[in-house]
PDB file of N, CA and C in Angstrom:
ATOM      1  N   MET A   1       0.849  -1.177   0.000  1.00  0.00           N
ATOM      2  CA  MET A   1       0.000   0.000   0.000  1.00  0.00           C
ATOM      3  C   MET A   1       0.890   1.233   0.000  1.00  0.00           C
ATOM      4  N   ASP A   2       0.606   2.164  -0.867  1.00  0.00           N
ATOM      5  CA  ASP A   2       1.361   3.403  -0.962  1.00  0.00           C
ATOM      6  C   ASP A   2       1.022   4.303   0.220  1.00  0.00           C
ATOM      7  N   PRO A   3       2.037   4.728   1.014  1.00  0.00           N
ATOM      8  CA  PRO A   3       1.745   5.550   2.187  1.00  0.00           C
ATOM      9  C   PRO A   3       1.210   6.932   1.843  1.00  0.00           C
ATOM     10  N   TYR A   4       1.237   7.320   0.575  1.00  0.00           N
ATOM     11  CA  TYR A   4       0.771   8.650   0.194  1.00  0.00           C
ATOM     12  C   TYR A   4      -0.665   8.654  -0.318  1.00  0.00           C
ATOM     13  N   ILE A   5      -1.294   7.502  -0.402  1.00  0.00           N
ATOM     14  CA  ILE A   5      -2.677   7.448  -0.840  1.00  0.00           C
ATOM     15  C   ILE A   5      -3.560   7.808   0.348  1.00  0.00           C
ATOM     16  N   PRO A   6      -4.368   8.860   0.215  1.00  0.00           N
ATOM     17  CA  PRO A   6      -5.245   9.224   1.329  1.00  0.00           C
ATOM     18  C   PRO A   6      -6.241   8.110   1.630  1.00  0.00           C
ATOM     19  N   VAL A   7      -6.316   7.723   2.873  1.00  0.00           N
ATOM     20  CA  VAL A   7      -7.226   6.678   3.318  1.00  0.00           C
ATOM     21  C   VAL A   7      -7.979   7.228   4.513  1.00  0.00           C
ATOM     22  N   ARG A   8      -9.241   6.937   4.605  1.00  0.00           N
ATOM     23  CA  ARG A   8     -10.019   7.424   5.745  1.00  0.00           C
ATOM     24  C   ARG A   8     -10.094   6.323   6.799  1.00  0.00           C
ATOM     25  N   PRO A   9      -9.246   6.417   7.849  1.00  0.00           N
ATOM     26  CA  PRO A   9      -9.356   5.445   8.934  1.00  0.00           C
ATOM     27  C   PRO A   9     -10.652   5.665   9.695  1.00  0.00           C
ATOM     28  N   ARG A  10     -11.111   4.654  10.380  1.00  0.00           N
ATOM     29  CA  ARG A  10     -12.336   4.767  11.169  1.00  0.00           C
ATOM     30  C   ARG A  10     -12.203   5.857  12.219  1.00  0.00           C
ATOM     31  N   GLY A  11     -13.155   6.772  12.214  1.00  0.00           N
ATOM     32  CA  GLY A  11     -13.211   7.788  13.247  1.00  0.00           C
ATOM     33  C   GLY A  11     -12.072   8.788  13.216  1.00  0.00           C
ATOM     34  N   ARG A  12     -11.329   8.854  12.140  1.00  0.00           N
ATOM     35  CA  ARG A  12     -10.183   9.749  12.063  1.00  0.00           C
ATOM     36  C   ARG A  12     -10.326  10.667  10.855  1.00  0.00           C
ATOM     37  N   ALA A  13      -9.365  11.531  10.690  1.00  0.00           N
ATOM     38  CA  ALA A  13      -9.374  12.487   9.580  1.00  0.00           C
ATOM     39  C   ALA A  13      -9.242  11.770   8.245  1.00  0.00           C
ATOM     40  N   SER A  14      -9.684  12.439   7.187  1.00  0.00           N
ATOM     41  CA  SER A  14      -9.551  11.863   5.857  1.00  0.00           C
ATOM     42  C   SER A  14      -8.539  12.663   5.061  1.00  0.00           C
ATOM     43  N   GLY A  15      -8.219  12.172   3.880  1.00  0.00           N
ATOM     44  CA  GLY A  15      -7.351  12.892   2.953  1.00  0.00           C
ATOM     45  C   GLY A  15      -5.944  13.087   3.478  1.00  0.00           C
ATOM     46  N   ALA A  16      -5.454  14.320   3.363  1.00  0.00           N
ATOM     47  CA  ALA A  16      -4.076  14.637   3.744  1.00  0.00           C
ATOM     48  C   ALA A  16      -3.829  14.348   5.221  1.00  0.00           C
ATOM     49  N   MET A  17      -4.840  14.528   6.067  1.00  0.00           N
ATOM     50  CA  MET A  17      -4.655  14.278   7.494  1.00  0.00           C
ATOM     51  C   MET A  17      -4.389  12.805   7.760  1.00  0.00           C
ATOM     52  N   ALA A  18      -5.039  11.912   7.005  1.00  0.00           N
ATOM     53  CA  ALA A  18      -4.789  10.481   7.180  1.00  0.00           C
ATOM     54  C   ALA A  18      -3.357  10.148   6.807  1.00  0.00           C
ATOM     55  N   VAL A  19      -2.854  10.779   5.737  1.00  0.00           N
ATOM     56  CA  VAL A  19      -1.458  10.554   5.341  1.00  0.00           C
ATOM     57  C   VAL A  19      -0.528  11.038   6.441  1.00  0.00           C
ATOM     58  N   LEU A  20      -0.805  12.207   7.007  1.00  0.00           N
ATOM     59  CA  LEU A  20       0.019  12.717   8.106  1.00  0.00           C
ATOM     60  C   LEU A  20      -0.012  11.774   9.297  1.00  0.00           C
ATOM     61  N   ASP A  21      -1.205  11.271   9.633  1.00  0.00           N
ATOM     62  CA  ASP A  21      -1.322  10.347  10.748  1.00  0.00           C
ATOM     63  C   ASP A  21      -0.444   9.127  10.536  1.00  0.00           C
ATOM     64  N   ARG A  22      -0.477   8.563   9.321  1.00  0.00           N
ATOM     65  CA  ARG A  22       0.336   7.376   9.047  1.00  0.00           C
ATOM     66  C   ARG A  22       1.811   7.697   9.156  1.00  0.00           C
ATOM     67  N   HIS A  23       2.237   8.863   8.665  1.00  0.00           N
ATOM     68  CA  HIS A  23       3.653   9.233   8.741  1.00  0.00           C
ATOM     69  C   HIS A  23       4.075   9.468  10.181  1.00  0.00           C
ATOM     70  N   GLU A  24       3.209  10.084  10.977  1.00  0.00           N
ATOM     71  CA  GLU A  24       3.535  10.300  12.388  1.00  0.00           C
ATOM     72  C   GLU A  24       3.654   8.966  13.111  1.00  0.00           C
ATOM     73  N   ASN A  25       2.738   8.044  12.844  1.00  0.00           N
ATOM     74  CA  ASN A  25       2.801   6.728  13.474  1.00  0.00           C
ATOM     75  C   ASN A  25       4.056   5.987  13.061  1.00  0.00           C
ATOM     76  N   TRP A  26       4.421   6.061  11.773  1.00  0.00           N
ATOM     77  CA  TRP A  26       5.635   5.397  11.299  1.00  0.00           C
ATOM     78  C   TRP A  26       6.850   5.983  11.981  1.00  0.00           C
ATOM     79  N   ALA A  27       6.905   7.309  12.101  1.00  0.00           N
ATOM     80  CA  ALA A  27       8.052   7.961  12.737  1.00  0.00           C
ATOM     81  C   ALA A  27       8.149   7.548  14.198  1.00  0.00           C
ATOM     82  N   MET A  28       7.019   7.459  14.877  1.00  0.00           N
ATOM     83  CA  MET A  28       7.047   7.055  16.282  1.00  0.00           C
ATOM     84  C   MET A  28       7.499   5.610  16.420  1.00  0.00           C
ATOM     85  N   ALA A  29       7.060   4.739  15.501  1.00  0.00           N
ATOM     86  CA  ALA A  29       7.403   3.324  15.596  1.00  0.00           C
ATOM     87  C   ALA A  29       8.871   3.068  15.270  1.00  0.00           C
ATOM     88  N   THR A  30       9.462   3.892  14.418  1.00  0.00           N
ATOM     89  CA  THR A  30      10.841   3.640  14.007  1.00  0.00           C
ATOM     90  C   THR A  30      11.857   4.445  14.797  1.00  0.00           C
ATOM     91  N   SER A  31      11.425   5.422  15.573  1.00  0.00           N
ATOM     92  CA  SER A  31      12.378   6.205  16.349  1.00  0.00           C
ATOM     93  C   SER A  31      12.790   5.412  17.588  1.00  0.00           C
ATOM     94  N   PRO A  32      14.013   5.642  18.081  1.00  0.00           N
ATOM     95  CA  PRO A  32      14.451   4.907  19.267  1.00  0.00           C
ATOM     96  C   PRO A  32      13.603   5.288  20.472  1.00  0.00           C
ATOM     97  N   ARG A  33      13.433   4.337  21.343  1.00  0.00           N
ATOM     98  CA  ARG A  33      12.629   4.561  22.545  1.00  0.00           C
ATOM     99  C   ARG A  33      13.410   5.428  23.520  1.00  0.00           C
ATOM    100  N   ILE A  34      12.792   6.503  23.950  1.00  0.00           N
ATOM    101  CA  ILE A  34      13.393   7.353  24.966  1.00  0.00           C
ATOM    102  C   ILE A  34      12.790   6.911  26.289  1.00  0.00           C
ATOM    103  N   ASP A  35      13.606   6.305  27.118  1.00  0.00           N
ATOM    104  CA  ASP A  35      13.118   5.769  28.374  1.00  0.00           C
ATOM    105  C   ASP A  35      13.445   6.732  29.496  1.00  0.00           C
ATOM    106  N   LEU A  36      12.436   7.448  29.929  1.00  0.00           N
ATOM    107  CA  LEU A  36      12.632   8.367  31.036  1.00  0.00           C
ATOM    108  C   LEU A  36      12.602   7.628  32.363  1.00  0.00           C
ATOM    109  N   ARG A  37      12.288   6.339  32.312  1.00  0.00           N
ATOM    110  CA  ARG A  37      12.275   5.500  33.493  1.00  0.00           C
ATOM    111  C   ARG A  37      13.175   4.295  33.229  1.00  0.00           C
ATOM    112  N   PRO A  38      14.496   4.456  33.366  1.00  0.00           N
ATOM    113  CA  PRO A  38      15.368   3.328  33.060  1.00  0.00           C
ATOM    114  C   PRO A  38      15.062   2.141  33.970  1.00  0.00           C
ATOM    115  N   GLY A  39      15.210   0.987  33.446  1.00  0.00           N
ATOM    116  CA  GLY A  39      14.941  -0.239  34.197  1.00  0.00           C
ATOM    117  C   GLY A  39      14.944  -1.389  33.220  1.00  0.00           C
ATOM    118  N   VAL A  40      14.010  -2.269  33.358  1.00  0.00           N
ATOM    119  CA  VAL A  40      13.883  -3.402  32.461  1.00  0.00           C
ATOM    120  C   VAL A  40      13.288  -2.895  31.156  1.00  0.00           C
ATOM    121  N   SER A  41      13.943  -3.191  30.048  1.00  0.00           N
ATOM    122  CA  SER A  41      13.457  -2.670  28.771  1.00  0.00           C
ATOM    123  C   SER A  41      12.607  -3.689  28.015  1.00  0.00           C
ATOM    124  N   GLU A  42      12.669  -4.947  28.403  1.00  0.00           N
ATOM    125  CA  GLU A  42      11.871  -5.975  27.740  1.00  0.00           C
ATOM    126  C   GLU A  42      10.626  -6.262  28.573  1.00  0.00           C
ATOM    127  N   PRO A  43       9.526  -6.556  27.928  1.00  0.00           N
ATOM    128  CA  PRO A  43       8.319  -6.870  28.701  1.00  0.00           C
ATOM    129  C   PRO A  43       8.457  -8.202  29.432  1.00  0.00           C
ATOM    130  N   VAL A  44       7.760  -8.321  30.526  1.00  0.00           N
ATOM    131  CA  VAL A  44       7.711  -9.554  31.301  1.00  0.00           C
ATOM    132  C   VAL A  44       6.288 -10.081  31.180  1.00  0.00           C
ATOM    133  N   VAL A  45       6.148 -11.328  30.747  1.00  0.00           N
ATOM    134  CA  VAL A  45       4.829 -11.922  30.562  1.00  0.00           C
ATOM    135  C   VAL A  45       4.664 -13.039  31.582  1.00  0.00           C
ATOM    136  N   LEU A  46       3.649 -12.930  32.407  1.00  0.00           N
ATOM    137  CA  LEU A  46       3.339 -13.966  33.381  1.00  0.00           C
ATOM    138  C   LEU A  46       2.117 -14.727  32.888  1.00  0.00           C
ATOM    139  N   MET A  47       2.300 -16.005  32.611  1.00  0.00           N
ATOM    140  CA  MET A  47       1.205 -16.848  32.136  1.00  0.00           C
ATOM    141  C   MET A  47       0.481 -17.457  33.326  1.00  0.00           C
ATOM    142  N   ILE A  48      -0.828 -17.311  33.350  1.00  0.00           N
ATOM    143  CA  ILE A  48      -1.677 -17.951  34.344  1.00  0.00           C
ATOM    144  C   ILE A  48      -2.480 -19.008  33.592  1.00  0.00           C
ATOM    145  N   SER A  49      -2.298 -20.269  33.972  1.00  0.00           N
ATOM    146  CA  SER A  49      -2.927 -21.352  33.220  1.00  0.00           C
ATOM    147  C   SER A  49      -4.376 -21.560  33.618  1.00  0.00           C
ATOM    148  N   ARG A  50      -5.094 -22.210  32.756  1.00  0.00           N
ATOM    149  CA  ARG A  50      -6.491 -22.547  33.043  1.00  0.00           C
ATOM    150  C   ARG A  50      -6.554 -23.448  34.270  1.00  0.00           C
ATOM    151  N   ARG A  51      -5.586 -24.348  34.412  1.00  0.00           N
ATOM    152  CA  ARG A  51      -5.545 -25.221  35.581  1.00  0.00           C
ATOM    153  C   ARG A  51      -5.455 -24.397  36.858  1.00  0.00           C
ATOM    154  N   GLU A  52      -4.589 -23.367  36.851  1.00  0.00           N
ATOM    155  CA  GLU A  52      -4.462 -22.505  38.021  1.00  0.00           C
ATOM    156  C   GLU A  52      -5.764 -21.758  38.300  1.00  0.00           C
ATOM    157  N   VAL A  53      -6.430 -21.316  37.250  1.00  0.00           N
ATOM    158  CA  VAL A  53      -7.699 -20.599  37.417  1.00  0.00           C
ATOM    159  C   VAL A  53      -8.754 -21.525  37.999  1.00  0.00           C
ATOM    160  N   GLU A  54      -8.911 -22.702  37.400  1.00  0.00           N
ATOM    161  CA  GLU A  54      -9.962 -23.618  37.846  1.00  0.00           C
ATOM    162  C   GLU A  54      -9.701 -24.155  39.244  1.00  0.00           C
ATOM    163  N   ALA A  55      -8.423 -24.297  39.630  1.00  0.00           N
ATOM    164  CA  ALA A  55      -8.083 -24.765  40.976  1.00  0.00           C
ATOM    165  C   ALA A  55      -7.996 -23.601  41.962  1.00  0.00           C
ATOM    166  N   ALA A  56      -8.196 -22.390  41.477  1.00  0.00           N
ATOM    167  CA  ALA A  56      -8.058 -21.177  42.302  1.00  0.00           C
ATOM    168  C   ALA A  56      -6.697 -21.174  42.984  1.00  0.00           C
ATOM    169  N   ASP A  57      -5.658 -21.540  42.235  1.00  0.00           N
ATOM    170  CA  ASP A  57      -4.299 -21.686  42.756  1.00  0.00           C
ATOM    171  C   ASP A  57      -3.554 -20.352  42.727  1.00  0.00           C
ATOM    172  N   LEU A  58      -3.922 -19.483  43.624  1.00  0.00           N
ATOM    173  CA  LEU A  58      -3.283 -18.174  43.701  1.00  0.00           C
ATOM    174  C   LEU A  58      -1.857 -18.277  44.225  1.00  0.00           C
ATOM    175  N   ALA A  59      -1.580 -19.256  45.073  1.00  0.00           N
ATOM    176  CA  ALA A  59      -0.240 -19.415  45.649  1.00  0.00           C
ATOM    177  C   ALA A  59       0.811 -19.608  44.550  1.00  0.00           C
ATOM    178  N   SER A  60       0.487 -20.374  43.542  1.00  0.00           N
ATOM    179  CA  SER A  60       1.414 -20.610  42.438  1.00  0.00           C
ATOM    180  C   SER A  60       1.717 -19.313  41.683  1.00  0.00           C
ATOM    181  N   VAL A  61       0.685 -18.538  41.418  1.00  0.00           N
ATOM    182  CA  VAL A  61       0.848 -17.265  40.712  1.00  0.00           C
ATOM    183  C   VAL A  61       1.676 -16.305  41.559  1.00  0.00           C
ATOM    184  N   LEU A  62       1.349 -16.194  42.835  1.00  0.00           N
ATOM    185  CA  LEU A  62       2.079 -15.283  43.729  1.00  0.00           C
ATOM    186  C   LEU A  62       3.539 -15.673  43.879  1.00  0.00           C
ATOM    187  N   SER A  63       3.821 -16.977  43.904  1.00  0.00           N
ATOM    188  CA  SER A  63       5.217 -17.398  44.044  1.00  0.00           C
ATOM    189  C   SER A  63       6.053 -16.949  42.848  1.00  0.00           C
ATOM    190  N   ARG A  64       5.456 -16.936  41.667  1.00  0.00           N
ATOM    191  CA  ARG A  64       6.185 -16.463  40.486  1.00  0.00           C
ATOM    192  C   ARG A  64       6.329 -14.945  40.492  1.00  0.00           C
ATOM    193  N   LEU A  65       5.347 -14.249  41.040  1.00  0.00           N
ATOM    194  CA  LEU A  65       5.402 -12.789  41.080  1.00  0.00           C
ATOM    195  C   LEU A  65       6.399 -12.271  42.115  1.00  0.00           C
ATOM    196  N   LYS A  66       6.566 -12.974  43.201  1.00  0.00           N
ATOM    197  CA  LYS A  66       7.427 -12.502  44.287  1.00  0.00           C
ATOM    198  C   LYS A  66       8.883 -12.358  43.857  1.00  0.00           C
ATOM    199  N   VAL A  67       9.274 -13.045  42.812  1.00  0.00           N
ATOM    200  CA  VAL A  67      10.634 -12.902  42.275  1.00  0.00           C
ATOM    201  C   VAL A  67      10.902 -11.449  41.889  1.00  0.00           C
ATOM    202  N   PHE A  68       9.863 -10.765  41.453  1.00  0.00           N
ATOM    203  CA  PHE A  68      10.014  -9.394  40.988  1.00  0.00           C
ATOM    204  C   PHE A  68      10.008  -8.378  42.125  1.00  0.00           C
ATOM    205  N   LEU A  69       9.820  -8.853  43.336  1.00  0.00           N
ATOM    206  CA  LEU A  69       9.751  -7.946  44.482  1.00  0.00           C
ATOM    207  C   LEU A  69      10.793  -8.273  45.537  1.00  0.00           C
ATOM    208  N   ALA A  70      11.895  -8.888  45.142  1.00  0.00           N
ATOM    209  CA  ALA A  70      12.921  -9.247  46.117  1.00  0.00           C
ATOM    210  C   ALA A  70      13.367  -8.011  46.893  1.00  0.00           C
ATOM    211  N   THR A  71      13.506  -6.907  46.198  1.00  0.00           N
ATOM    212  CA  THR A  71      13.863  -5.649  46.854  1.00  0.00           C
ATOM    213  C   THR A  71      12.986  -4.546  46.266  1.00  0.00           C
ATOM    214  N   GLN A  72      12.975  -3.413  46.912  1.00  0.00           N
ATOM    215  CA  GLN A  72      12.206  -2.278  46.394  1.00  0.00           C
ATOM    216  C   GLN A  72      12.757  -1.857  45.034  1.00  0.00           C
ATOM    217  N   GLU A  73      14.065  -1.953  44.871  1.00  0.00           N
ATOM    218  CA  GLU A  73      14.682  -1.595  43.588  1.00  0.00           C
ATOM    219  C   GLU A  73      14.212  -2.533  42.478  1.00  0.00           C
ATOM    220  N   ASP A  74      14.090  -3.829  42.802  1.00  0.00           N
ATOM    221  CA  ASP A  74      13.605  -4.788  41.801  1.00  0.00           C
ATOM    222  C   ASP A  74      12.198  -4.423  41.354  1.00  0.00           C
ATOM    223  N   ALA A  75      11.346  -4.117  42.313  1.00  0.00           N
ATOM    224  CA  ALA A  75       9.968  -3.742  41.976  1.00  0.00           C
ATOM    225  C   ALA A  75       9.962  -2.511  41.081  1.00  0.00           C
ATOM    226  N   TRP A  76      10.812  -1.545  41.365  1.00  0.00           N
ATOM    227  CA  TRP A  76      10.883  -0.314  40.588  1.00  0.00           C
ATOM    228  C   TRP A  76      11.361  -0.589  39.163  1.00  0.00           C
ATOM    229  N   LEU A  77      12.296  -1.515  39.000  1.00  0.00           N
ATOM    230  CA  LEU A  77      12.821  -1.822  37.667  1.00  0.00           C
ATOM    231  C   LEU A  77      11.751  -2.410  36.744  1.00  0.00           C
ATOM    232  N   TYR A  78      10.831  -3.171  37.307  1.00  0.00           N
ATOM    233  CA  TYR A  78       9.832  -3.863  36.491  1.00  0.00           C
ATOM    234  C   TYR A  78       8.531  -3.087  36.335  1.00  0.00           C
ATOM    235  N   ARG A  79       8.458  -1.879  36.837  1.00  0.00           N
ATOM    236  CA  ARG A  79       7.209  -1.122  36.753  1.00  0.00           C
ATOM    237  C   ARG A  79       6.826  -0.879  35.294  1.00  0.00           C
ATOM    238  N   GLY A  80       5.570  -1.108  35.014  1.00  0.00           N
ATOM    239  CA  GLY A  80       5.052  -0.883  33.672  1.00  0.00           C
ATOM    240  C   GLY A  80       5.505  -1.877  32.626  1.00  0.00           C
ATOM    241  N   GLN A  81       6.198  -2.930  33.025  1.00  0.00           N
ATOM    242  CA  GLN A  81       6.730  -3.883  32.052  1.00  0.00           C
ATOM    243  C   GLN A  81       6.049  -5.245  32.113  1.00  0.00           C
ATOM    244  N   MET A  82       5.148  -5.442  33.063  1.00  0.00           N
ATOM    245  CA  MET A  82       4.572  -6.764  33.264  1.00  0.00           C
ATOM    246  C   MET A  82       3.196  -6.873  32.626  1.00  0.00           C
ATOM    247  N   THR A  83       2.990  -8.021  31.982  1.00  0.00           N
ATOM    248  CA  THR A  83       1.710  -8.340  31.380  1.00  0.00           C
ATOM    249  C   THR A  83       1.255  -9.686  31.919  1.00  0.00           C
ATOM    250  N   LEU A  84       0.016  -9.746  32.359  1.00  0.00           N
ATOM    251  CA  LEU A  84      -0.566 -11.011  32.807  1.00  0.00           C
ATOM    252  C   LEU A  84      -1.357 -11.598  31.657  1.00  0.00           C
ATOM    253  N   VAL A  85      -1.149 -12.886  31.386  1.00  0.00           N
ATOM    254  CA  VAL A  85      -1.871 -13.573  30.320  1.00  0.00           C
ATOM    255  C   VAL A  85      -2.547 -14.788  30.924  1.00  0.00           C
ATOM    256  N   VAL A  86      -3.851 -14.881  30.743  1.00  0.00           N
ATOM    257  CA  VAL A  86      -4.600 -16.049  31.193  1.00  0.00           C
ATOM    258  C   VAL A  86      -4.727 -16.960  29.987  1.00  0.00           C
ATOM    259  N   ASP A  87      -4.146 -18.157  30.093  1.00  0.00           N
ATOM    260  CA  ASP A  87      -4.053 -19.076  28.965  1.00  0.00           C
ATOM    261  C   ASP A  87      -4.991 -20.262  29.155  1.00  0.00           C
ATOM    262  N   GLY A  88      -5.437 -20.819  28.045  1.00  0.00           N
ATOM    263  CA  GLY A  88      -6.226 -22.036  28.093  1.00  0.00           C
ATOM    264  C   GLY A  88      -7.699 -21.839  27.786  1.00  0.00           C
ATOM    265  N   TYR A  89      -8.076 -20.620  27.464  1.00  0.00           N
ATOM    266  CA  TYR A  89      -9.486 -20.333  27.188  1.00  0.00           C
ATOM    267  C   TYR A  89      -9.709 -19.952  25.727  1.00  0.00           C
ATOM    268  N   ASN A  90      -8.792 -20.314  24.857  1.00  0.00           N
ATOM    269  CA  ASN A  90      -8.906 -19.943  23.446  1.00  0.00           C
ATOM    270  C   ASN A  90     -10.157 -20.515  22.784  1.00  0.00           C
ATOM    271  N   ASN A  91     -10.578 -21.700  23.203  1.00  0.00           N
ATOM    272  CA  ASN A  91     -11.750 -22.334  22.588  1.00  0.00           C
ATOM    273  C   ASN A  91     -13.039 -22.012  23.329  1.00  0.00           C
ATOM    274  N   ASP A  92     -12.953 -21.236  24.385  1.00  0.00           N
ATOM    275  CA  ASP A  92     -14.136 -20.815  25.132  1.00  0.00           C
ATOM    276  C   ASP A  92     -14.714 -19.587  24.428  1.00  0.00           C
ATOM    277  N   PRO A  93     -15.985 -19.602  24.069  1.00  0.00           N
ATOM    278  CA  PRO A  93     -16.551 -18.469  23.322  1.00  0.00           C
ATOM    279  C   PRO A  93     -16.683 -17.198  24.165  1.00  0.00           C
ATOM    280  N   ARG A  94     -16.609 -17.322  25.488  1.00  0.00           N
ATOM    281  CA  ARG A  94     -16.754 -16.147  26.352  1.00  0.00           C
ATOM    282  C   ARG A  94     -15.460 -15.342  26.397  1.00  0.00           C
ATOM    283  N   GLU A  95     -15.613 -14.057  26.647  1.00  0.00           N
ATOM    284  CA  GLU A  95     -14.456 -13.215  26.926  1.00  0.00           C
ATOM    285  C   GLU A  95     -13.968 -13.568  28.325  1.00  0.00           C
ATOM    286  N   LEU A  96     -12.688 -13.346  28.596  1.00  0.00           N
ATOM    287  CA  LEU A  96     -12.153 -13.665  29.922  1.00  0.00           C
ATOM    288  C   LEU A  96     -12.918 -12.956  31.029  1.00  0.00           C
ATOM    289  N   VAL A  97     -13.326 -11.733  30.766  1.00  0.00           N
ATOM    290  CA  VAL A  97     -14.051 -10.957  31.766  1.00  0.00           C
ATOM    291  C   VAL A  97     -15.406 -11.591  32.104  1.00  0.00           C
ATOM    292  N   ASP A  98     -15.927 -12.425  31.226  1.00  0.00           N
ATOM    293  CA  ASP A  98     -17.209 -13.075  31.446  1.00  0.00           C
ATOM    294  C   ASP A  98     -17.094 -14.432  32.132  1.00  0.00           C
ATOM    295  N   ILE A  99     -15.884 -14.854  32.449  1.00  0.00           N
ATOM    296  CA  ILE A  99     -15.663 -16.153  33.092  1.00  0.00           C
ATOM    297  C   ILE A  99     -15.490 -15.915  34.593  1.00  0.00           C
ATOM    298  N   PRO A 100     -16.449 -16.351  35.399  1.00  0.00           N
ATOM    299  CA  PRO A 100     -16.414 -16.056  36.833  1.00  0.00           C
ATOM    300  C   PRO A 100     -15.130 -16.509  37.534  1.00  0.00           C
ATOM    301  N   GLU A 101     -14.598 -17.668  37.154  1.00  0.00           N
ATOM    302  CA  GLU A 101     -13.382 -18.178  37.804  1.00  0.00           C
ATOM    303  C   GLU A 101     -12.182 -17.276  37.529  1.00  0.00           C
ATOM    304  N   VAL A 102     -12.101 -16.752  36.323  1.00  0.00           N
ATOM    305  CA  VAL A 102     -10.999 -15.841  35.974  1.00  0.00           C
ATOM    306  C   VAL A 102     -11.148 -14.549  36.771  1.00  0.00           C
ATOM    307  N   ARG A 103     -12.329 -13.996  36.793  1.00  0.00           N
ATOM    308  CA  ARG A 103     -12.558 -12.766  37.558  1.00  0.00           C
ATOM    309  C   ARG A 103     -12.224 -12.957  39.028  1.00  0.00           C
ATOM    310  N   ALA A 104     -12.652 -14.088  39.591  1.00  0.00           N
ATOM    311  CA  ALA A 104     -12.411 -14.341  41.017  1.00  0.00           C
ATOM    312  C   ALA A 104     -10.910 -14.439  41.307  1.00  0.00           C
ATOM    313  N   LEU A 105     -10.179 -15.149  40.475  1.00  0.00           N
ATOM    314  CA  LEU A 105      -8.733 -15.288  40.705  1.00  0.00           C
ATOM    315  C   LEU A 105      -8.040 -13.935  40.570  1.00  0.00           C
ATOM    316  N   LEU A 106      -8.406 -13.150  39.579  1.00  0.00           N
ATOM    317  CA  LEU A 106      -7.767 -11.849  39.393  1.00  0.00           C
ATOM    318  C   LEU A 106      -8.138 -10.870  40.505  1.00  0.00           C
ATOM    319  N   ARG A 107      -9.338 -10.979  41.040  1.00  0.00           N
ATOM    320  CA  ARG A 107      -9.701 -10.148  42.209  1.00  0.00           C
ATOM    321  C   ARG A 107      -8.841 -10.518  43.410  1.00  0.00           C
ATOM    322  N   ARG A 108      -8.687 -11.804  43.645  1.00  0.00           N
ATOM    323  CA  ARG A 108      -7.846 -12.254  44.764  1.00  0.00           C
ATOM    324  C   ARG A 108      -6.400 -11.845  44.547  1.00  0.00           C
ATOM    325  N   LEU A 109      -5.937 -11.941  43.303  1.00  0.00           N
ATOM    326  CA  LEU A 109      -4.566 -11.533  42.993  1.00  0.00           C
ATOM    327  C   LEU A 109      -4.368 -10.056  43.290  1.00  0.00           C
ATOM    328  N   GLU A 110      -5.313  -9.240  42.907  1.00  0.00           N
ATOM    329  CA  GLU A 110      -5.209  -7.804  43.165  1.00  0.00           C
ATOM    330  C   GLU A 110      -5.167  -7.518  44.665  1.00  0.00           C
ATOM    331  N   ALA A 111      -5.938  -8.259  45.440  1.00  0.00           N
ATOM    332  CA  ALA A 111      -5.954  -8.061  46.897  1.00  0.00           C
ATOM    333  C   ALA A 111      -4.644  -8.507  47.542  1.00  0.00           C
ATOM    334  N   GLU A 112      -4.068  -9.593  47.029  1.00  0.00           N
ATOM    335  CA  GLU A 112      -2.834 -10.139  47.622  1.00  0.00           C
ATOM    336  C   GLU A 112      -1.566  -9.485  47.081  1.00  0.00           C
ATOM    337  N   TRP A 113      -1.633  -8.974  45.867  1.00  0.00           N
ATOM    338  CA  TRP A 113      -0.445  -8.423  45.202  1.00  0.00           C
ATOM    339  C   TRP A 113      -0.839  -7.092  44.567  1.00  0.00           C
ATOM    340  N   PRO A 114      -0.938  -6.042  45.365  1.00  0.00           N
ATOM    341  CA  PRO A 114      -1.472  -4.762  44.869  1.00  0.00           C
ATOM    342  C   PRO A 114      -0.452  -3.874  44.139  1.00  0.00           C
ATOM    343  N   TYR A 115       0.538  -4.484  43.532  1.00  0.00           N
ATOM    344  CA  TYR A 115       1.560  -3.689  42.849  1.00  0.00           C
ATOM    345  C   TYR A 115       1.168  -3.454  41.433  1.00  0.00           C
TER     346      TYR A 115
END
């Protein structure tokens, strides 16, 4: 696709403004990351399995999270870099938010690990 062809994105400007938007997005994506908060630069992904959800096994999840809180400095290094992924529900037609067991485990996690 030619980046100079005006395209009307959903809910956004049309014509020349759409071209500008694409160029601004490209420039942002290709420019080096300016990290005003030095620390861990790679994301950390914590997988929570369906087995853990169905067994309400919060202890297993917390034991993996505590590694990131060995010291206050460790916690500070990982701020904004962690993603929680609930795995094993790909074939379930419901959204994760609609699954009571997932909601319950994440509520308990928030209460036990409020970072």
